[in-house]
């Protein structure tokens, strides 16, 4: 869902834009956090990049499996196959 914040920012000469502190606080975005940038239709979307399961995409109960992040549910399915 998009919500108009009424905040307008200009790009600087290097193409950068500052995300307002109110929005960073709302989404718990801190300095040096990775931000995913992608296009959806005619919109440019910024989203805090958070680790997720390589199989199902969920981001809770993650464990490392062969140097990849995987959720407990998918790991249980893999273990049943073995």
N, C-alpha and C. Protein backbone atom coordinates (compact mmCIF):
# COMPACT_ATOMS: atom_id res chain seq x y z
N UNK A 1 0.84 -1.18 0.00
CA UNK A 1 0.00 0.00 0.00
C UNK A 1 0.89 1.24 0.00
N UNK A 2 0.60 2.14 -0.87
CA UNK A 2 1.38 3.36 -0.84
C UNK A 2 0.63 4.42 -0.05
N UNK A 3 1.42 5.22 0.62
CA UNK A 3 0.85 6.28 1.45
C UNK A 3 1.60 7.56 1.13
N UNK A 4 0.87 8.59 0.78
CA UNK A 4 1.50 9.86 0.48
C UNK A 4 1.90 10.54 1.79
N UNK A 5 3.21 10.79 1.95
CA UNK A 5 3.69 11.41 3.19
C UNK A 5 3.69 12.93 3.11
N UNK A 6 3.58 13.47 1.90
CA UNK A 6 3.65 14.92 1.75
C UNK A 6 5.07 15.44 1.78
N UNK A 7 6.05 14.55 1.86
CA UNK A 7 7.46 14.94 1.91
C UNK A 7 8.04 14.83 0.51
N UNK A 8 8.67 15.88 0.06
CA UNK A 8 9.31 15.89 -1.25
C UNK A 8 10.79 16.18 -1.06
N UNK A 9 11.64 15.38 -1.70
CA UNK A 9 13.09 15.57 -1.63
C UNK A 9 13.63 15.70 -3.04
N UNK A 10 14.70 16.44 -3.21
CA UNK A 10 15.37 16.58 -4.49
C UNK A 10 16.60 15.69 -4.51
N UNK A 11 16.93 15.18 -5.70
CA UNK A 11 18.17 14.45 -5.88
C UNK A 11 19.33 15.43 -5.84
N UNK A 12 20.44 14.98 -5.25
CA UNK A 12 21.63 15.85 -5.31
C UNK A 12 22.37 15.58 -6.62
N UNK A 13 23.52 16.23 -6.81
CA UNK A 13 24.25 16.11 -8.07
C UNK A 13 24.76 14.70 -8.34
N UNK A 14 24.81 13.85 -7.34
CA UNK A 14 25.24 12.46 -7.52
C UNK A 14 24.07 11.49 -7.61
N UNK A 15 22.84 12.02 -7.64
CA UNK A 15 21.66 11.17 -7.77
C UNK A 15 21.17 10.60 -6.45
N UNK A 16 21.61 11.15 -5.34
CA UNK A 16 21.22 10.66 -4.02
C UNK A 16 20.01 11.42 -3.50
N UNK A 17 19.24 10.74 -2.66
CA UNK A 17 18.11 11.35 -1.99
C UNK A 17 18.14 10.92 -0.53
N UNK A 18 17.77 11.81 0.37
CA UNK A 18 17.77 11.50 1.80
C UNK A 18 16.38 10.98 2.18
N UNK A 19 16.35 9.84 2.85
CA UNK A 19 15.09 9.31 3.38
C UNK A 19 14.84 10.01 4.71
N UNK A 20 13.70 10.68 4.86
CA UNK A 20 13.43 11.42 6.09
C UNK A 20 13.50 10.54 7.35
N UNK A 21 13.96 11.13 8.43
CA UNK A 21 14.14 10.41 9.69
C UNK A 21 12.85 9.76 10.17
N UNK A 22 11.70 10.40 9.94
CA UNK A 22 10.42 9.83 10.37
C UNK A 22 10.17 8.50 9.68
N UNK A 23 10.49 8.43 8.40
CA UNK A 23 10.30 7.19 7.64
C UNK A 23 11.33 6.15 8.06
N UNK A 24 12.59 6.58 8.26
CA UNK A 24 13.62 5.64 8.71
C UNK A 24 13.27 5.05 10.06
N UNK A 25 12.75 5.87 10.96
CA UNK A 25 12.34 5.36 12.28
C UNK A 25 11.17 4.40 12.16
N UNK A 26 10.21 4.73 11.33
CA UNK A 26 9.02 3.89 11.16
C UNK A 26 9.39 2.49 10.68
N UNK A 27 10.40 2.40 9.81
CA UNK A 27 10.80 1.11 9.25
C UNK A 27 12.09 0.56 9.86
N UNK A 28 12.53 1.16 10.97
CA UNK A 28 13.73 0.72 11.67
C UNK A 28 14.93 0.61 10.73
N UNK A 29 15.13 1.65 9.92
CA UNK A 29 16.26 1.71 9.00
C UNK A 29 17.35 2.55 9.65
N UNK A 30 18.52 1.94 9.80
CA UNK A 30 19.64 2.60 10.44
C UNK A 30 20.76 2.85 9.43
N UNK A 31 21.70 3.69 9.83
CA UNK A 31 22.85 3.98 8.99
C UNK A 31 23.54 2.67 8.60
N UNK A 32 23.89 2.56 7.34
CA UNK A 32 24.59 1.41 6.76
C UNK A 32 23.68 0.20 6.50
N UNK A 33 22.38 0.27 6.81
CA UNK A 33 21.47 -0.82 6.49
C UNK A 33 21.34 -0.93 4.97
N UNK A 34 21.31 -2.16 4.44
CA UNK A 34 21.12 -2.30 2.99
C UNK A 34 19.67 -1.98 2.61
N UNK A 35 19.53 -1.26 1.50
CA UNK A 35 18.22 -0.89 0.99
C UNK A 35 18.09 -1.47 -0.42
N UNK A 36 17.03 -2.22 -0.65
CA UNK A 36 16.75 -2.78 -1.97
C UNK A 36 16.02 -1.73 -2.80
N UNK A 37 16.41 -1.57 -4.04
CA UNK A 37 15.78 -0.62 -4.95
C UNK A 37 15.29 -1.41 -6.16
N UNK A 38 14.00 -1.29 -6.46
CA UNK A 38 13.48 -1.96 -7.64
C UNK A 38 12.33 -1.17 -8.25
N UNK A 39 11.96 -1.53 -9.46
CA UNK A 39 10.90 -0.84 -10.19
C UNK A 39 9.67 -1.74 -10.22
N UNK A 40 8.54 -1.13 -9.95
CA UNK A 40 7.25 -1.83 -10.01
C UNK A 40 6.31 -0.94 -10.81
N UNK A 41 6.06 -1.32 -12.06
CA UNK A 41 5.27 -0.47 -12.94
C UNK A 41 6.00 0.83 -13.19
N UNK A 42 5.36 1.95 -12.86
CA UNK A 42 6.00 3.25 -13.05
C UNK A 42 6.54 3.81 -11.75
N UNK A 43 6.67 2.97 -10.72
CA UNK A 43 7.15 3.42 -9.41
C UNK A 43 8.54 2.87 -9.11
N UNK A 44 9.33 3.65 -8.40
CA UNK A 44 10.63 3.21 -7.88
C UNK A 44 10.39 2.87 -6.41
N UNK A 45 10.68 1.65 -6.01
CA UNK A 45 10.41 1.17 -4.66
C UNK A 45 11.72 1.04 -3.89
N UNK A 46 11.75 1.58 -2.68
CA UNK A 46 12.87 1.40 -1.76
C UNK A 46 12.37 0.52 -0.63
N UNK A 47 13.11 -0.52 -0.28
CA UNK A 47 12.70 -1.42 0.79
C UNK A 47 13.93 -1.85 1.58
N UNK A 48 13.79 -1.87 2.89
CA UNK A 48 14.88 -2.36 3.72
C UNK A 48 15.12 -3.82 3.37
N UNK A 49 16.35 -4.12 3.02
CA UNK A 49 16.70 -5.50 2.64
C UNK A 49 16.86 -6.31 3.92
N UNK A 50 16.08 -7.35 4.03
CA UNK A 50 16.16 -8.22 5.20
C UNK A 50 16.41 -9.64 4.73
N UNK A 51 17.21 -10.38 5.48
CA UNK A 51 17.50 -11.76 5.07
C UNK A 51 16.22 -12.58 5.05
N UNK A 52 16.15 -13.51 4.08
CA UNK A 52 15.00 -14.40 4.02
C UNK A 52 15.41 -15.77 3.50
N UNK A 53 14.53 -16.72 3.65
CA UNK A 53 14.76 -18.10 3.23
C UNK A 53 14.94 -18.14 1.72
N UNK A 54 15.96 -18.84 1.25
CA UNK A 54 16.22 -18.91 -0.18
C UNK A 54 15.17 -19.73 -0.91
N UNK A 55 14.38 -20.51 -0.20
CA UNK A 55 13.35 -21.34 -0.82
C UNK A 55 11.97 -20.71 -0.80
N UNK A 56 11.50 -20.28 0.36
CA UNK A 56 10.12 -19.79 0.47
C UNK A 56 10.02 -18.28 0.64
N UNK A 57 11.14 -17.60 0.96
CA UNK A 57 11.14 -16.16 1.08
C UNK A 57 10.75 -15.62 2.45
N UNK A 58 10.36 -16.49 3.38
CA UNK A 58 9.99 -16.01 4.72
C UNK A 58 11.24 -15.53 5.45
N UNK A 59 11.04 -14.65 6.44
CA UNK A 59 12.21 -14.10 7.13
C UNK A 59 12.20 -14.37 8.63
N UNK A 60 11.48 -15.40 9.07
CA UNK A 60 11.50 -15.75 10.49
C UNK A 60 12.06 -17.16 10.68
N UNK A 61 12.65 -17.40 11.84
CA UNK A 61 13.25 -18.70 12.19
C UNK A 61 14.30 -19.15 11.17
N UNK A 62 15.21 -18.23 10.79
CA UNK A 62 16.23 -18.56 9.81
C UNK A 62 17.45 -19.20 10.46
N UNK A 63 18.00 -20.18 9.76
CA UNK A 63 19.25 -20.82 10.18
C UNK A 63 20.16 -20.88 8.96
N UNK A 64 21.45 -21.01 9.20
CA UNK A 64 22.38 -21.13 8.08
C UNK A 64 22.53 -22.60 7.71
N UNK A 65 22.39 -22.89 6.43
CA UNK A 65 22.51 -24.25 5.91
C UNK A 65 23.39 -24.19 4.66
N UNK A 66 24.56 -24.80 4.71
CA UNK A 66 25.51 -24.77 3.61
C UNK A 66 25.74 -23.34 3.11
N UNK A 67 25.98 -22.44 4.06
CA UNK A 67 26.28 -21.04 3.81
C UNK A 67 25.14 -20.26 3.18
N UNK A 68 23.91 -20.76 3.29
CA UNK A 68 22.71 -20.07 2.80
C UNK A 68 21.72 -19.99 3.95
N UNK A 69 20.84 -18.96 3.92
CA UNK A 69 19.81 -18.85 4.94
C UNK A 69 18.57 -19.60 4.50
N UNK A 70 18.03 -20.36 5.43
CA UNK A 70 16.86 -21.19 5.17
C UNK A 70 16.00 -21.20 6.44
N UNK A 71 14.69 -21.20 6.28
CA UNK A 71 13.82 -21.21 7.46
C UNK A 71 13.72 -22.63 8.02
N UNK A 72 13.32 -22.72 9.26
CA UNK A 72 13.24 -24.01 9.95
C UNK A 72 12.31 -24.96 9.22
N UNK A 73 11.19 -24.45 8.71
CA UNK A 73 10.21 -25.30 8.03
C UNK A 73 10.80 -25.94 6.77
N UNK A 74 11.51 -25.14 5.96
CA UNK A 74 12.14 -25.68 4.75
C UNK A 74 13.27 -26.63 5.10
N UNK A 75 14.02 -26.31 6.16
CA UNK A 75 15.09 -27.20 6.60
C UNK A 75 14.53 -28.55 7.03
N UNK A 76 13.41 -28.55 7.73
CA UNK A 76 12.76 -29.81 8.12
C UNK A 76 12.37 -30.62 6.90
N UNK A 77 11.87 -29.95 5.85
CA UNK A 77 11.51 -30.65 4.62
C UNK A 77 12.72 -31.27 3.95
N UNK A 78 13.84 -30.53 3.95
CA UNK A 78 15.08 -31.06 3.37
C UNK A 78 15.56 -32.26 4.15
N UNK A 79 15.52 -32.16 5.47
CA UNK A 79 15.98 -33.27 6.30
C UNK A 79 15.13 -34.51 6.10
N UNK A 80 13.84 -34.36 5.82
CA UNK A 80 12.98 -35.52 5.56
C UNK A 80 13.33 -36.20 4.24
N UNK A 81 13.84 -35.40 3.26
CA UNK A 81 14.24 -35.97 1.97
C UNK A 81 15.51 -36.82 2.10
N UNK A 82 16.36 -36.44 3.05
CA UNK A 82 17.65 -37.13 3.21
C UNK A 82 17.46 -38.37 3.97
